[in-house]
Amino acid sequence: MNSKDAALLFGALSNSDRLDVIRALVEAGPDGMSAGAIARKIGASPSRTSFHLTALSKSGFATKDRQSRTLTYRIDFKTIGALINFLMEDCCRGSAELQSCC
């Protein structure tokens, strides 16, 4: 991952509702959650939740599957892992004392 890709991902996370959605999806794990369940969990209206889910899907943080009339969203753990690795890849370089933090 490069800085430009990371900046785009951070832009997608620059809203507290989106962070709440991400946390709900991480908690749900591979089974994911329906859009309605996410809205209830984060205490947001369905339309506002849908808006944020669209942004998170476009950025690559979430995937969605349609089954009949239900959309199930799942977190893309690879995308989150890549972003975390981007932040941590140079952690504490040059300081043997601090490298144990990672």
N, C-alpha and C. Protein backbone atom coordinates (compact mmCIF):
# COMPACT_ATOMS: atom_id res chain seq x y z
N MET A 1 0.85 -1.17 0.00
CA MET A 1 0.00 0.00 0.00
C MET A 1 0.89 1.23 0.00
N ASN A 2 0.49 2.23 -0.74
CA ASN A 2 1.26 3.47 -0.76
C ASN A 2 0.48 4.57 -0.03
N SER A 3 1.11 5.72 0.12
CA SER A 3 0.51 6.82 0.88
C SER A 3 -0.79 7.30 0.27
N LYS A 4 -0.87 7.33 -1.05
CA LYS A 4 -2.09 7.80 -1.72
C LYS A 4 -3.26 6.85 -1.41
N ASP A 5 -3.02 5.55 -1.50
CA ASP A 5 -4.07 4.57 -1.19
C ASP A 5 -4.50 4.69 0.27
N ALA A 6 -3.53 4.83 1.16
CA ALA A 6 -3.83 4.95 2.59
C ALA A 6 -4.65 6.21 2.86
N ALA A 7 -4.31 7.31 2.20
CA ALA A 7 -5.05 8.57 2.40
C ALA A 7 -6.50 8.42 1.96
N LEU A 8 -6.74 7.71 0.86
CA LEU A 8 -8.12 7.48 0.40
C LEU A 8 -8.90 6.65 1.42
N LEU A 9 -8.25 5.63 1.98
CA LEU A 9 -8.91 4.81 2.99
C LEU A 9 -9.20 5.61 4.25
N PHE A 10 -8.25 6.42 4.68
CA PHE A 10 -8.49 7.24 5.87
C PHE A 10 -9.61 8.24 5.61
N GLY A 11 -9.70 8.74 4.38
CA GLY A 11 -10.80 9.64 4.03
C GLY A 11 -12.15 8.97 4.20
N ALA A 12 -12.21 7.69 3.84
CA ALA A 12 -13.47 6.94 3.99
C ALA A 12 -13.82 6.73 5.45
N LEU A 13 -12.83 6.78 6.33
CA LEU A 13 -13.06 6.57 7.76
C LEU A 13 -13.26 7.87 8.54
N SER A 14 -13.26 8.99 7.84
CA SER A 14 -13.25 10.28 8.53
C SER A 14 -14.62 10.73 9.02
N ASN A 15 -15.38 9.81 9.56
CA ASN A 15 -16.71 10.11 10.08
C ASN A 15 -16.99 9.14 11.22
N SER A 16 -17.51 9.65 12.31
CA SER A 16 -17.73 8.78 13.47
C SER A 16 -18.75 7.69 13.20
N ASP A 17 -19.78 7.97 12.37
CA ASP A 17 -20.74 6.92 12.03
C ASP A 17 -20.07 5.79 11.26
N ARG A 18 -19.17 6.14 10.35
CA ARG A 18 -18.48 5.11 9.57
C ARG A 18 -17.58 4.27 10.47
N LEU A 19 -16.95 4.90 11.43
CA LEU A 19 -16.14 4.13 12.37
C LEU A 19 -17.02 3.19 13.19
N ASP A 20 -18.21 3.65 13.56
CA ASP A 20 -19.15 2.79 14.28
C ASP A 20 -19.59 1.61 13.41
N VAL A 21 -19.81 1.86 12.13
CA VAL A 21 -20.17 0.78 11.20
C VAL A 21 -19.05 -0.23 11.10
N ILE A 22 -17.82 0.25 10.94
CA ILE A 22 -16.66 -0.63 10.86
C ILE A 22 -16.57 -1.50 12.12
N ARG A 23 -16.72 -0.89 13.28
CA ARG A 23 -16.63 -1.65 14.53
C ARG A 23 -17.73 -2.69 14.62
N ALA A 24 -18.94 -2.33 14.18
CA ALA A 24 -20.06 -3.29 14.20
C ALA A 24 -19.77 -4.47 13.28
N LEU A 25 -19.20 -4.18 12.11
CA LEU A 25 -18.91 -5.25 11.15
C LEU A 25 -17.75 -6.13 11.62
N VAL A 26 -16.77 -5.53 12.27
CA VAL A 26 -15.67 -6.31 12.83
C VAL A 26 -16.22 -7.25 13.90
N GLU A 27 -17.10 -6.74 14.74
CA GLU A 27 -17.70 -7.55 15.78
C GLU A 27 -18.54 -8.69 15.18
N ALA A 28 -19.24 -8.41 14.09
CA ALA A 28 -20.08 -9.43 13.45
C ALA A 28 -19.25 -10.54 12.83
N GLY A 29 -18.02 -10.23 12.45
CA GLY A 29 -17.15 -11.23 11.85
C GLY A 29 -17.58 -11.64 10.46
N PRO A 30 -17.21 -12.84 10.05
CA PRO A 30 -17.47 -13.29 8.67
C PRO A 30 -18.95 -13.41 8.31
N ASP A 31 -19.81 -13.54 9.31
CA ASP A 31 -21.25 -13.64 9.01
C ASP A 31 -21.82 -12.33 8.53
N GLY A 32 -21.22 -11.21 8.90
CA GLY A 32 -21.70 -9.91 8.49
C GLY A 32 -23.00 -9.53 9.16
N MET A 33 -23.58 -8.44 8.68
CA MET A 33 -24.84 -7.93 9.24
C MET A 33 -25.66 -7.31 8.12
N SER A 34 -26.96 -7.33 8.30
CA SER A 34 -27.83 -6.64 7.35
C SER A 34 -27.73 -5.14 7.59
N ALA A 35 -28.08 -4.38 6.59
CA ALA A 35 -28.03 -2.92 6.71
C ALA A 35 -28.93 -2.45 7.84
N GLY A 36 -30.10 -3.06 7.97
CA GLY A 36 -31.02 -2.67 9.04
C GLY A 36 -30.46 -2.96 10.42
N ALA A 37 -29.81 -4.10 10.57
CA ALA A 37 -29.20 -4.45 11.86
C ALA A 37 -28.07 -3.49 12.20
N ILE A 38 -27.32 -3.09 11.19
CA ILE A 38 -26.23 -2.13 11.42
C ILE A 38 -26.82 -0.80 11.88
N ALA A 39 -27.87 -0.35 11.21
CA ALA A 39 -28.51 0.92 11.57
C ALA A 39 -28.98 0.90 13.02
N ARG A 40 -29.62 -0.19 13.41
CA ARG A 40 -30.08 -0.31 14.80
C ARG A 40 -28.91 -0.32 15.77
N LYS A 41 -27.86 -1.05 15.42
CA LYS A 41 -26.70 -1.18 16.31
C LYS A 41 -26.02 0.16 16.56
N ILE A 42 -25.90 0.98 15.51
CA ILE A 42 -25.19 2.25 15.66
C ILE A 42 -26.13 3.41 15.99
N GLY A 43 -27.44 3.15 16.00
CA GLY A 43 -28.41 4.18 16.35
C GLY A 43 -28.56 5.26 15.29
N ALA A 44 -28.51 4.85 14.03
CA ALA A 44 -28.63 5.80 12.93
C ALA A 44 -29.83 5.42 12.07
N SER A 45 -30.32 6.37 11.31
CA SER A 45 -31.44 6.10 10.42
C SER A 45 -30.98 5.16 9.30
N PRO A 46 -31.89 4.38 8.74
CA PRO A 46 -31.51 3.48 7.64
C PRO A 46 -30.90 4.22 6.46
N SER A 47 -31.43 5.40 6.13
CA SER A 47 -30.89 6.13 4.97
C SER A 47 -29.47 6.63 5.24
N ARG A 48 -29.23 7.12 6.45
CA ARG A 48 -27.88 7.59 6.79
C ARG A 48 -26.91 6.41 6.83
N THR A 49 -27.34 5.28 7.37
CA THR A 49 -26.50 4.09 7.41
C THR A 49 -26.18 3.61 6.00
N SER A 50 -27.17 3.61 5.13
CA SER A 50 -26.97 3.20 3.74
C SER A 50 -25.94 4.09 3.05
N PHE A 51 -26.02 5.38 3.30
CA PHE A 51 -25.06 6.33 2.73
C PHE A 51 -23.63 5.96 3.15
N HIS A 52 -23.45 5.70 4.44
CA HIS A 52 -22.12 5.36 4.94
C HIS A 52 -21.67 3.98 4.45
N LEU A 53 -22.57 3.03 4.37
CA LEU A 53 -22.23 1.70 3.87
C LEU A 53 -21.79 1.76 2.41
N THR A 54 -22.42 2.61 1.63
CA THR A 54 -22.01 2.78 0.23
C THR A 54 -20.59 3.30 0.15
N ALA A 55 -20.27 4.30 0.96
CA ALA A 55 -18.92 4.86 0.96
C ALA A 55 -17.89 3.82 1.41
N LEU A 56 -18.22 3.05 2.42
CA LEU A 56 -17.29 2.02 2.91
C LEU A 56 -17.13 0.89 1.90
N SER A 57 -18.19 0.58 1.17
CA SER A 57 -18.09 -0.46 0.12
C SER A 57 -17.22 0.03 -1.03
N LYS A 58 -17.42 1.27 -1.44
CA LYS A 58 -16.64 1.83 -2.55
C LYS A 58 -15.16 1.93 -2.20
N SER A 59 -14.86 2.17 -0.93
CA SER A 59 -13.45 2.30 -0.53
C SER A 59 -12.77 0.95 -0.38
N GLY A 60 -13.56 -0.12 -0.26
CA GLY A 60 -12.97 -1.45 -0.10
C GLY A 60 -13.01 -1.97 1.32
N PHE A 61 -13.53 -1.19 2.26
CA PHE A 61 -13.60 -1.65 3.64
C PHE A 61 -14.68 -2.69 3.86
N ALA A 62 -15.73 -2.64 3.06
CA ALA A 62 -16.85 -3.56 3.25
C ALA A 62 -17.26 -4.17 1.91
N THR A 63 -17.81 -5.37 1.99
CA THR A 63 -18.40 -6.00 0.81
C THR A 63 -19.88 -6.19 1.10
N LYS A 64 -20.66 -6.34 0.05
CA LYS A 64 -22.08 -6.57 0.26
C LYS A 64 -22.56 -7.68 -0.64
N ASP A 65 -23.49 -8.45 -0.09
CA ASP A 65 -24.12 -9.55 -0.82
C ASP A 65 -25.62 -9.34 -0.74
N ARG A 66 -26.28 -9.50 -1.87
CA ARG A 66 -27.73 -9.40 -1.89
C ARG A 66 -28.32 -10.80 -1.90
N GLN A 67 -29.25 -11.02 -0.98
CA GLN A 67 -30.02 -12.26 -0.95
C GLN A 67 -31.48 -11.83 -0.90
N SER A 68 -32.15 -11.95 -2.04
CA SER A 68 -33.52 -11.49 -2.18
C SER A 68 -33.55 -9.98 -1.94
N ARG A 69 -34.24 -9.54 -0.90
CA ARG A 69 -34.33 -8.11 -0.63
C ARG A 69 -33.37 -7.65 0.46
N THR A 70 -32.55 -8.55 0.96
CA THR A 70 -31.66 -8.23 2.08
C THR A 70 -30.23 -8.06 1.59
N LEU A 71 -29.60 -6.96 2.01
CA LEU A 71 -28.19 -6.74 1.76
C LEU A 71 -27.42 -7.08 3.03
N THR A 72 -26.45 -7.96 2.90
CA THR A 72 -25.59 -8.31 4.03
C THR A 72 -24.22 -7.73 3.77
N TYR A 73 -23.72 -6.99 4.74
CA TYR A 73 -22.41 -6.35 4.63
C TYR A 73 -21.42 -7.11 5.50
N ARG A 74 -20.20 -7.21 4.98
CA ARG A 74 -19.11 -7.86 5.71
C ARG A 74 -17.88 -6.97 5.63
N ILE A 75 -17.10 -7.00 6.69
CA ILE A 75 -15.86 -6.24 6.69
C ILE A 75 -14.84 -6.95 5.82
N ASP A 76 -14.02 -6.20 5.14
CA ASP A 76 -12.91 -6.78 4.38
C ASP A 76 -11.67 -6.68 5.26
N PHE A 77 -11.39 -7.76 5.95
CA PHE A 77 -10.28 -7.76 6.90
C PHE A 77 -8.93 -7.53 6.22
N LYS A 78 -8.82 -7.91 4.96
CA LYS A 78 -7.55 -7.69 4.24
C LYS A 78 -7.28 -6.20 4.06
N THR A 79 -8.31 -5.44 3.76
CA THR A 79 -8.14 -3.99 3.57
C THR A 79 -7.76 -3.33 4.89
N ILE A 80 -8.44 -3.69 5.96
CA ILE A 80 -8.10 -3.12 7.27
C ILE A 80 -6.68 -3.53 7.67
N GLY A 81 -6.35 -4.80 7.45
CA GLY A 81 -5.01 -5.27 7.77
C GLY A 81 -3.94 -4.54 6.98
N ALA A 82 -4.20 -4.30 5.71
CA ALA A 82 -3.23 -3.59 4.88
C ALA A 82 -3.01 -2.16 5.37
N LEU A 83 -4.08 -1.52 5.81
CA LEU A 83 -3.97 -0.15 6.32
C LEU A 83 -3.18 -0.14 7.64
N ILE A 84 -3.47 -1.08 8.50
CA ILE A 84 -2.73 -1.16 9.77
C ILE A 84 -1.26 -1.47 9.50
N ASN A 85 -1.00 -2.40 8.58
CA ASN A 85 0.40 -2.71 8.24
C ASN A 85 1.11 -1.49 7.66
N PHE A 86 0.41 -0.71 6.85
CA PHE A 86 1.00 0.51 6.29
C PHE A 86 1.45 1.44 7.42
N LEU A 87 0.60 1.58 8.44
CA LEU A 87 0.93 2.46 9.56
C LEU A 87 2.08 1.91 10.40
N MET A 88 2.15 0.60 10.53
CA MET A 88 3.09 0.00 11.46
C MET A 88 4.38 -0.50 10.82
N GLU A 89 4.49 -0.48 9.50
CA GLU A 89 5.64 -1.13 8.86
C GLU A 89 6.97 -0.51 9.24
N ASP A 90 6.99 0.75 9.57
CA ASP A 90 8.25 1.39 9.97
C ASP A 90 8.31 1.66 11.46
N CYS A 91 7.48 0.96 12.22
CA CYS A 91 7.38 1.21 13.65
C CYS A 91 8.72 1.03 14.35
N CYS A 92 9.10 2.06 15.02
CA CYS A 92 10.23 2.01 15.95
C CYS A 92 11.56 1.65 15.28
N ARG A 93 11.68 1.83 14.00
CA ARG A 93 12.95 1.51 13.33
C ARG A 93 14.09 2.26 14.00
N GLY A 94 15.11 1.53 14.27
CA GLY A 94 16.29 2.14 14.86
C GLY A 94 16.28 2.13 16.38
N SER A 95 15.18 1.73 16.98
CA SER A 95 15.11 1.72 18.44
C SER A 95 14.73 0.33 18.91
N ALA A 96 15.71 -0.46 19.28
CA ALA A 96 15.47 -1.84 19.72
C ALA A 96 14.58 -1.86 20.97
N GLU A 97 14.69 -0.84 21.81
CA GLU A 97 13.89 -0.78 23.03
C GLU A 97 12.40 -0.70 22.71
N LEU A 98 12.04 0.05 21.70
CA LEU A 98 10.64 0.31 21.39
C LEU A 98 10.02 -0.72 20.45
N GLN A 99 10.81 -1.54 19.80
CA GLN A 99 10.28 -2.48 18.83
C GLN A 99 9.38 -3.52 19.48
N SER A 100 9.51 -3.75 20.75
CA SER A 100 8.66 -4.73 21.42
C SER A 100 7.21 -4.27 21.53
N CYS A 101 6.93 -3.00 21.25
CA CYS A 101 5.56 -2.51 21.34
C CYS A 101 4.70 -3.05 20.20
N CYS A 102 5.31 -3.53 19.17
CA CYS A 102 4.55 -4.00 18.01
C CYS A 102 4.58 -5.48 17.94
